[in-house]
């Protein structure tokens, strides 16, 4: 019996104005990042409720990354400042739940940084792959 190679499922919440455009630029420039990164486009990084991240872990994600505009460059003026505060709270909650801190990340990627987007995704996937499969919050009903 041959074992399948482990490939982590990564959920990436990307701000419409900067990070999603950065992902688009990475694609246009043919920069590679793993296909296991599932991008969810949101209007602003502050729109991501911490419960969305917990739900992603519950539904089988091995890692969750939140990408938004650089602080001071937010399309909605101060949205990413709210994101930064919320994510600091979420990280302490994940510690309490026993989920490794390395499974979640916040990155600021502008629309002109396609190479940074691809490099960030490759680095995050390698980091989560080294941690292995997330079993802490998974809901076994969501597995096939």
N, C-alpha and C. Protein backbone atom coordinates (compact mmCIF):
# COMPACT_ATOMS: atom_id res chain seq x y z
N UNK A 1 0.84 -1.17 0.00
CA UNK A 1 0.00 0.00 0.00
C UNK A 1 0.89 1.25 0.00
N UNK A 2 0.59 2.16 -0.91
CA UNK A 2 1.40 3.37 -1.05
C UNK A 2 0.75 4.52 -0.28
N UNK A 3 1.55 5.20 0.53
CA UNK A 3 1.06 6.33 1.30
C UNK A 3 1.01 7.58 0.43
N UNK A 4 -0.08 8.36 0.56
CA UNK A 4 -0.17 9.62 -0.17
C UNK A 4 0.71 10.66 0.50
N UNK A 5 1.32 11.51 -0.32
CA UNK A 5 2.13 12.60 0.22
C UNK A 5 1.19 13.61 0.90
N UNK A 6 1.58 14.05 2.08
CA UNK A 6 0.75 15.00 2.82
C UNK A 6 0.85 16.38 2.19
N UNK A 7 -0.30 16.95 1.86
CA UNK A 7 -0.36 18.32 1.36
C UNK A 7 -1.36 19.07 2.24
N UNK A 8 -0.91 20.10 2.92
CA UNK A 8 -1.82 20.81 3.82
C UNK A 8 -2.86 21.63 3.06
N UNK A 9 -4.02 21.75 3.65
CA UNK A 9 -5.06 22.61 3.12
C UNK A 9 -4.92 23.97 3.80
N UNK A 10 -4.68 24.99 3.00
CA UNK A 10 -4.47 26.34 3.51
C UNK A 10 -5.62 27.23 3.04
N UNK A 11 -6.21 27.97 3.96
CA UNK A 11 -7.24 28.94 3.63
C UNK A 11 -6.61 30.32 3.75
N UNK A 12 -6.72 31.11 2.68
CA UNK A 12 -6.17 32.47 2.67
C UNK A 12 -7.30 33.47 2.49
N UNK A 13 -7.50 34.30 3.51
CA UNK A 13 -8.46 35.40 3.41
C UNK A 13 -7.69 36.59 2.86
N UNK A 14 -8.10 37.08 1.69
CA UNK A 14 -7.36 38.16 1.02
C UNK A 14 -8.25 39.37 0.81
N UNK A 15 -7.73 40.53 1.18
CA UNK A 15 -8.40 41.81 0.97
C UNK A 15 -8.55 42.05 -0.54
N UNK A 16 -9.71 42.49 -0.95
CA UNK A 16 -10.01 42.71 -2.37
C UNK A 16 -9.07 43.72 -3.02
N UNK A 17 -8.71 44.77 -2.30
CA UNK A 17 -8.01 45.89 -2.91
C UNK A 17 -6.52 45.69 -3.03
N UNK A 18 -5.92 44.95 -2.13
CA UNK A 18 -4.46 44.80 -2.19
C UNK A 18 -4.03 43.34 -2.35
N UNK A 19 -4.32 42.51 -1.38
CA UNK A 19 -3.78 41.15 -1.38
C UNK A 19 -4.34 40.30 -2.52
N UNK A 20 -5.63 40.43 -2.79
CA UNK A 20 -6.20 39.65 -3.89
C UNK A 20 -5.60 40.12 -5.21
N UNK A 21 -5.38 41.42 -5.35
CA UNK A 21 -4.73 41.95 -6.55
C UNK A 21 -3.28 41.47 -6.61
N UNK A 22 -2.62 41.33 -5.45
CA UNK A 22 -1.27 40.79 -5.40
C UNK A 22 -1.23 39.34 -5.85
N UNK A 23 -2.26 38.57 -5.46
CA UNK A 23 -2.37 37.18 -5.91
C UNK A 23 -2.58 37.13 -7.41
N UNK A 24 -3.39 38.05 -7.91
CA UNK A 24 -3.64 38.14 -9.35
C UNK A 24 -2.35 38.47 -10.10
N UNK A 25 -1.57 39.40 -9.55
CA UNK A 25 -0.29 39.76 -10.16
C UNK A 25 0.68 38.59 -10.14
N UNK A 26 0.67 37.83 -9.06
CA UNK A 26 1.53 36.64 -8.99
C UNK A 26 1.15 35.66 -10.10
N UNK A 27 -0.15 35.49 -10.31
CA UNK A 27 -0.61 34.60 -11.38
C UNK A 27 -0.25 35.13 -12.76
N UNK A 28 -0.42 36.43 -12.96
CA UNK A 28 -0.07 37.03 -14.25
C UNK A 28 1.41 36.92 -14.55
N UNK A 29 2.25 36.99 -13.51
CA UNK A 29 3.69 36.88 -13.69
C UNK A 29 4.17 35.43 -13.66
N UNK A 30 3.23 34.50 -13.59
CA UNK A 30 3.51 33.06 -13.57
C UNK A 30 4.43 32.66 -12.41
N UNK A 31 4.20 33.29 -11.26
CA UNK A 31 4.92 32.91 -10.05
C UNK A 31 4.17 31.77 -9.39
N UNK A 32 4.87 30.76 -8.96
CA UNK A 32 4.23 29.56 -8.43
C UNK A 32 4.02 29.64 -6.93
N UNK A 33 2.85 29.19 -6.51
CA UNK A 33 2.58 28.88 -5.12
C UNK A 33 1.61 27.71 -5.13
N UNK A 34 1.57 26.90 -4.07
CA UNK A 34 0.80 25.66 -4.08
C UNK A 34 -0.69 25.85 -4.38
N UNK A 35 -1.23 24.91 -5.11
CA UNK A 35 -2.65 24.93 -5.44
C UNK A 35 -3.52 24.60 -4.24
N UNK A 36 -2.92 24.14 -3.18
CA UNK A 36 -3.67 23.81 -1.97
C UNK A 36 -4.05 25.05 -1.16
N UNK A 37 -3.62 26.22 -1.63
CA UNK A 37 -4.01 27.47 -1.00
C UNK A 37 -5.35 27.90 -1.60
N UNK A 38 -6.36 27.90 -0.77
CA UNK A 38 -7.71 28.29 -1.21
C UNK A 38 -7.95 29.74 -0.80
N UNK A 39 -8.09 30.61 -1.79
CA UNK A 39 -8.25 32.04 -1.52
C UNK A 39 -9.71 32.40 -1.38
N UNK A 40 -10.01 33.14 -0.33
CA UNK A 40 -11.34 33.69 -0.11
C UNK A 40 -11.19 35.20 -0.14
N UNK A 41 -11.84 35.83 -1.11
CA UNK A 41 -11.74 37.28 -1.26
C UNK A 41 -12.73 37.96 -0.33
N UNK A 42 -12.24 38.92 0.45
CA UNK A 42 -13.09 39.69 1.37
C UNK A 42 -12.90 41.17 1.04
N UNK A 43 -13.91 42.00 1.30
CA UNK A 43 -13.79 43.43 0.96
C UNK A 43 -12.61 44.10 1.67
N UNK A 44 -12.37 43.72 2.92
CA UNK A 44 -11.29 44.31 3.71
C UNK A 44 -10.86 43.26 4.73
N UNK A 45 -9.61 43.31 5.14
CA UNK A 45 -9.14 42.34 6.13
C UNK A 45 -9.91 42.46 7.45
N UNK A 46 -10.44 43.65 7.75
CA UNK A 46 -11.20 43.80 9.00
C UNK A 46 -12.55 43.09 8.93
N UNK A 47 -12.95 42.67 7.76
CA UNK A 47 -14.22 41.95 7.62
C UNK A 47 -14.12 40.51 8.12
N UNK A 48 -12.90 40.03 8.30
CA UNK A 48 -12.70 38.64 8.74
C UNK A 48 -12.91 38.55 10.25
N UNK A 49 -13.99 37.91 10.60
CA UNK A 49 -14.32 37.66 11.99
C UNK A 49 -13.43 36.51 12.48
N UNK A 50 -12.89 36.56 13.69
CA UNK A 50 -12.09 35.45 14.20
C UNK A 50 -12.82 34.11 14.14
N UNK A 51 -14.13 34.14 14.19
CA UNK A 51 -14.89 32.89 14.09
C UNK A 51 -14.72 32.24 12.71
N UNK A 52 -14.49 33.06 11.68
CA UNK A 52 -14.24 32.50 10.34
C UNK A 52 -12.98 31.62 10.37
N UNK A 53 -11.99 32.08 11.09
CA UNK A 53 -10.72 31.34 11.17
C UNK A 53 -10.91 30.06 11.97
N UNK A 54 -11.62 30.15 13.09
CA UNK A 54 -11.89 28.95 13.87
C UNK A 54 -12.73 27.96 13.07
N UNK A 55 -13.68 28.46 12.29
CA UNK A 55 -14.51 27.58 11.47
C UNK A 55 -13.68 26.91 10.38
N UNK A 56 -12.73 27.64 9.81
CA UNK A 56 -11.85 27.04 8.79
C UNK A 56 -11.08 25.87 9.39
N UNK A 57 -10.55 26.05 10.60
CA UNK A 57 -9.85 24.95 11.26
C UNK A 57 -10.80 23.79 11.54
N UNK A 58 -12.01 24.11 11.96
CA UNK A 58 -12.99 23.07 12.24
C UNK A 58 -13.34 22.28 10.99
N UNK A 59 -13.39 22.97 9.86
CA UNK A 59 -13.76 22.33 8.60
C UNK A 59 -12.59 21.63 7.90
N UNK A 60 -11.43 21.57 8.55
CA UNK A 60 -10.34 20.77 8.01
C UNK A 60 -9.12 21.53 7.52
N UNK A 61 -9.09 22.84 7.69
CA UNK A 61 -7.91 23.60 7.26
C UNK A 61 -6.74 23.26 8.18
N UNK A 62 -5.57 23.14 7.58
CA UNK A 62 -4.37 22.89 8.37
C UNK A 62 -3.69 24.21 8.73
N UNK A 63 -3.97 25.26 7.98
CA UNK A 63 -3.41 26.58 8.25
C UNK A 63 -4.31 27.65 7.67
N UNK A 64 -4.31 28.83 8.31
CA UNK A 64 -5.12 29.96 7.84
C UNK A 64 -4.23 31.19 7.82
N UNK A 65 -4.23 31.88 6.69
CA UNK A 65 -3.45 33.11 6.56
C UNK A 65 -4.40 34.25 6.18
N UNK A 66 -4.18 35.38 6.78
CA UNK A 66 -4.99 36.56 6.51
C UNK A 66 -4.09 37.62 5.89
N UNK A 67 -4.42 38.04 4.68
CA UNK A 67 -3.61 39.04 3.97
C UNK A 67 -4.42 40.30 3.76
N UNK A 68 -3.81 41.43 4.05
CA UNK A 68 -4.49 42.70 3.87
C UNK A 68 -3.54 43.78 3.38
N UNK A 69 -4.06 44.99 3.25
CA UNK A 69 -3.26 46.14 2.83
C UNK A 69 -2.26 46.49 3.92
N UNK A 70 -1.19 47.15 3.54
CA UNK A 70 -0.22 47.62 4.53
C UNK A 70 -0.89 48.64 5.43
N UNK A 71 -0.55 48.66 6.73
CA UNK A 71 -1.14 49.66 7.62
C UNK A 71 -0.90 51.07 7.08
N UNK A 72 -1.97 51.85 7.05
CA UNK A 72 -1.90 53.20 6.50
C UNK A 72 -2.34 53.27 5.05
N UNK A 73 -2.41 52.14 4.36
CA UNK A 73 -2.81 52.10 2.95
C UNK A 73 -4.17 51.45 2.73
N UNK A 74 -4.92 51.24 3.80
CA UNK A 74 -6.21 50.55 3.68
C UNK A 74 -7.20 51.38 2.87
N UNK A 75 -7.91 50.71 1.97
CA UNK A 75 -8.93 51.36 1.16
C UNK A 75 -10.04 51.94 2.05
N UNK A 76 -10.27 51.30 3.19
CA UNK A 76 -11.30 51.75 4.12
C UNK A 76 -10.67 52.51 5.30
N UNK A 77 -9.59 53.18 5.08
CA UNK A 77 -8.88 54.06 6.00
C UNK A 77 -8.17 53.33 7.15
N UNK A 78 -8.92 52.68 8.02
CA UNK A 78 -8.28 52.09 9.21
C UNK A 78 -8.66 50.64 9.45
N UNK A 79 -9.17 49.97 8.43
CA UNK A 79 -9.62 48.59 8.59
C UNK A 79 -8.55 47.64 9.08
N UNK A 80 -7.34 47.79 8.54
CA UNK A 80 -6.30 46.84 8.93
C UNK A 80 -5.79 47.07 10.37
N UNK A 81 -6.04 48.24 10.93
CA UNK A 81 -5.70 48.44 12.34
C UNK A 81 -6.63 47.61 13.22
N UNK A 82 -7.91 47.55 12.85
CA UNK A 82 -8.85 46.69 13.56
C UNK A 82 -8.44 45.23 13.41
N UNK A 83 -8.00 44.86 12.22
CA UNK A 83 -7.55 43.49 11.97
C UNK A 83 -6.41 43.12 12.90
N UNK A 84 -5.45 44.01 13.01
CA UNK A 84 -4.27 43.74 13.83
C UNK A 84 -4.67 43.50 15.29
N UNK A 85 -5.60 44.29 15.80
CA UNK A 85 -6.05 44.10 17.18
C UNK A 85 -6.81 42.80 17.35
N UNK A 86 -7.71 42.52 16.40
CA UNK A 86 -8.50 41.29 16.48
C UNK A 86 -7.63 40.05 16.42
N UNK A 87 -6.64 40.07 15.54
CA UNK A 87 -5.79 38.89 15.38
C UNK A 87 -4.91 38.68 16.61
N UNK A 88 -4.50 39.74 17.27
CA UNK A 88 -3.74 39.58 18.52
C UNK A 88 -4.58 38.83 19.55
N UNK A 89 -5.86 39.18 19.62
CA UNK A 89 -6.77 38.48 20.54
C UNK A 89 -6.96 37.03 20.11
N UNK A 90 -7.09 36.80 18.80
CA UNK A 90 -7.29 35.44 18.31
C UNK A 90 -6.09 34.56 18.62
N UNK A 91 -4.88 35.11 18.48
CA UNK A 91 -3.69 34.31 18.74
C UNK A 91 -3.66 33.81 20.18
N UNK A 92 -4.09 34.65 21.12
CA UNK A 92 -4.13 34.19 22.51
C UNK A 92 -5.22 33.14 22.70
N UNK A 93 -6.32 33.26 21.96
CA UNK A 93 -7.38 32.25 22.05
C UNK A 93 -6.91 30.92 21.47
N UNK A 94 -6.17 30.97 20.36
CA UNK A 94 -5.64 29.74 19.77
C UNK A 94 -4.67 29.06 20.72
N UNK A 95 -3.87 29.86 21.43
CA UNK A 95 -2.97 29.30 22.44
C UNK A 95 -3.78 28.54 23.49
N UNK A 96 -4.87 29.16 23.93
CA UNK A 96 -5.73 28.54 24.94
C UNK A 96 -6.33 27.23 24.42
N UNK A 97 -6.69 27.19 23.12
CA UNK A 97 -7.28 25.99 22.53
C UNK A 97 -6.24 24.92 22.20
N UNK A 98 -4.97 25.27 22.27
CA UNK A 98 -3.92 24.30 22.00
C UNK A 98 -3.56 24.18 20.53
N UNK A 99 -3.93 25.17 19.72
CA UNK A 99 -3.58 25.17 18.30
C UNK A 99 -2.26 25.92 18.15
N UNK A 100 -1.33 25.31 17.43
CA UNK A 100 -0.02 25.92 17.27
C UNK A 100 -0.13 27.30 16.64
N UNK A 101 0.61 28.25 17.15
CA UNK A 101 0.62 29.63 16.66
C UNK A 101 1.05 29.70 15.21
N UNK A 102 1.90 28.76 14.79
CA UNK A 102 2.45 28.76 13.44
C UNK A 102 1.41 28.40 12.38
N UNK A 103 0.24 27.95 12.78
CA UNK A 103 -0.80 27.58 11.82
C UNK A 103 -1.60 28.79 11.33
N UNK A 104 -1.38 29.94 11.94
CA UNK A 104 -2.10 31.15 11.58
C UNK A 104 -1.09 32.27 11.38
N UNK A 105 -1.36 33.09 10.38
CA UNK A 105 -0.44 34.20 10.08
C UNK A 105 -1.22 35.38 9.53
N UNK A 106 -0.69 36.57 9.78
CA UNK A 106 -1.22 37.80 9.19
C UNK A 106 -0.09 38.42 8.38
N UNK A 107 -0.37 38.77 7.14
CA UNK A 107 0.63 39.39 6.27
C UNK A 107 0.02 40.61 5.59
N UNK A 108 0.84 41.62 5.37
CA UNK A 108 0.40 42.81 4.65
C UNK A 108 1.04 42.75 3.27
N UNK A 109 0.22 42.62 2.24
CA UNK A 109 0.70 42.48 0.85
C UNK A 109 -0.06 43.48 -0.01
N UNK A 110 0.66 44.34 -0.72
CA UNK A 110 0.00 45.32 -1.58
C UNK A 110 -0.26 44.73 -2.97
N UNK A 111 -1.00 45.46 -3.76
CA UNK A 111 -1.36 45.01 -5.11
C UNK A 111 -0.14 44.89 -6.01
N UNK A 112 0.92 45.62 -5.70
CA UNK A 112 2.13 45.60 -6.53
C UNK A 112 3.14 44.54 -6.09
N UNK A 113 2.80 43.76 -5.06
CA UNK A 113 3.74 42.79 -4.51
C UNK A 113 3.35 41.34 -4.83
N UNK A 114 3.25 41.04 -6.11
CA UNK A 114 2.93 39.67 -6.52
C UNK A 114 3.99 38.68 -6.08
N UNK A 115 5.26 39.07 -6.19
CA UNK A 115 6.36 38.18 -5.79
C UNK A 115 6.32 37.92 -4.29
N UNK A 116 5.98 38.96 -3.51
CA UNK A 116 5.88 38.77 -2.06
C UNK A 116 4.73 37.84 -1.72
N UNK A 117 3.61 37.97 -2.45
CA UNK A 117 2.47 37.10 -2.20
C UNK A 117 2.85 35.64 -2.43
N UNK A 118 3.48 35.34 -3.57
CA UNK A 118 3.87 33.97 -3.88
C UNK A 118 4.89 33.45 -2.86
N UNK A 119 5.87 34.26 -2.51
CA UNK A 119 6.89 33.84 -1.53
C UNK A 119 6.26 33.59 -0.16
N UNK A 120 5.33 34.44 0.24
CA UNK A 120 4.64 34.28 1.53
C UNK A 120 3.85 32.99 1.56
N UNK A 121 3.13 32.70 0.48
CA UNK A 121 2.33 31.46 0.43
C UNK A 121 3.23 30.24 0.45
N UNK A 122 4.31 30.27 -0.31
CA UNK A 122 5.24 29.13 -0.32
C UNK A 122 5.85 28.91 1.06
N UNK A 123 6.23 29.99 1.73
CA UNK A 123 6.81 29.89 3.06
C UNK A 123 5.79 29.35 4.06
N UNK A 124 4.56 29.86 4.00
CA UNK A 124 3.53 29.43 4.94
C UNK A 124 3.17 27.96 4.72
N UNK A 125 3.07 27.54 3.47
CA UNK A 125 2.75 26.12 3.20
C UNK A 125 3.88 25.22 3.73
N UNK A 126 5.13 25.62 3.54
CA UNK A 126 6.25 24.83 4.05
C UNK A 126 6.20 24.75 5.58
N UNK A 127 5.87 25.85 6.23
CA UNK A 127 5.77 25.90 7.69
C UNK A 127 4.67 24.97 8.19
N UNK A 128 3.50 25.01 7.55
CA UNK A 128 2.38 24.18 7.98
C UNK A 128 2.64 22.71 7.65
N UNK A 129 3.30 22.44 6.54
CA UNK A 129 3.64 21.06 6.18
C UNK A 129 4.54 20.46 7.25
N UNK A 130 5.49 21.25 7.75
CA UNK A 130 6.39 20.76 8.80
C UNK A 130 5.62 20.44 10.10
N UNK A 131 4.53 21.16 10.37
CA UNK A 131 3.72 20.90 11.57
C UNK A 131 2.89 19.63 11.44
N UNK A 132 2.54 19.28 10.22
CA UNK A 132 1.70 18.10 10.00
C UNK A 132 0.23 18.44 10.01
N UNK A 133 -0.59 17.41 9.98
CA UNK A 133 -2.04 17.58 9.89
C UNK A 133 -2.61 18.17 11.18
N UNK A 134 -3.58 19.07 11.04
CA UNK A 134 -4.24 19.68 12.18
C UNK A 134 -5.36 18.76 12.66
N UNK A 135 -5.23 18.28 13.87
CA UNK A 135 -6.25 17.38 14.42
C UNK A 135 -6.98 18.00 15.60
N UNK A 136 -6.55 19.16 16.01
CA UNK A 136 -7.07 19.73 17.26
C UNK A 136 -8.55 20.12 17.18
N UNK A 137 -8.96 20.84 16.14
CA UNK A 137 -10.34 21.32 16.05
C UNK A 137 -11.16 20.63 14.97
N UNK A 138 -10.57 19.66 14.29
CA UNK A 138 -11.27 19.11 13.12
C UNK A 138 -12.59 18.45 13.49
N UNK A 139 -13.53 18.60 12.62
CA UNK A 139 -14.83 17.97 12.75
C UNK A 139 -14.81 16.76 11.82
N UNK A 140 -14.85 15.57 12.37
CA UNK A 140 -14.69 14.37 11.55
C UNK A 140 -15.80 14.21 10.53
N UNK A 141 -16.94 14.87 10.74
CA UNK A 141 -18.01 14.80 9.75
C UNK A 141 -17.63 15.50 8.46
N UNK A 142 -16.67 16.43 8.52
CA UNK A 142 -16.27 17.18 7.34
C UNK A 142 -15.26 16.43 6.48
N UNK A 143 -14.72 15.34 7.00
CA UNK A 143 -13.75 14.54 6.24
C UNK A 143 -14.50 13.58 5.33
N UNK A 144 -13.90 13.31 4.19
CA UNK A 144 -14.54 12.36 3.26
C UNK A 144 -14.12 10.95 3.54
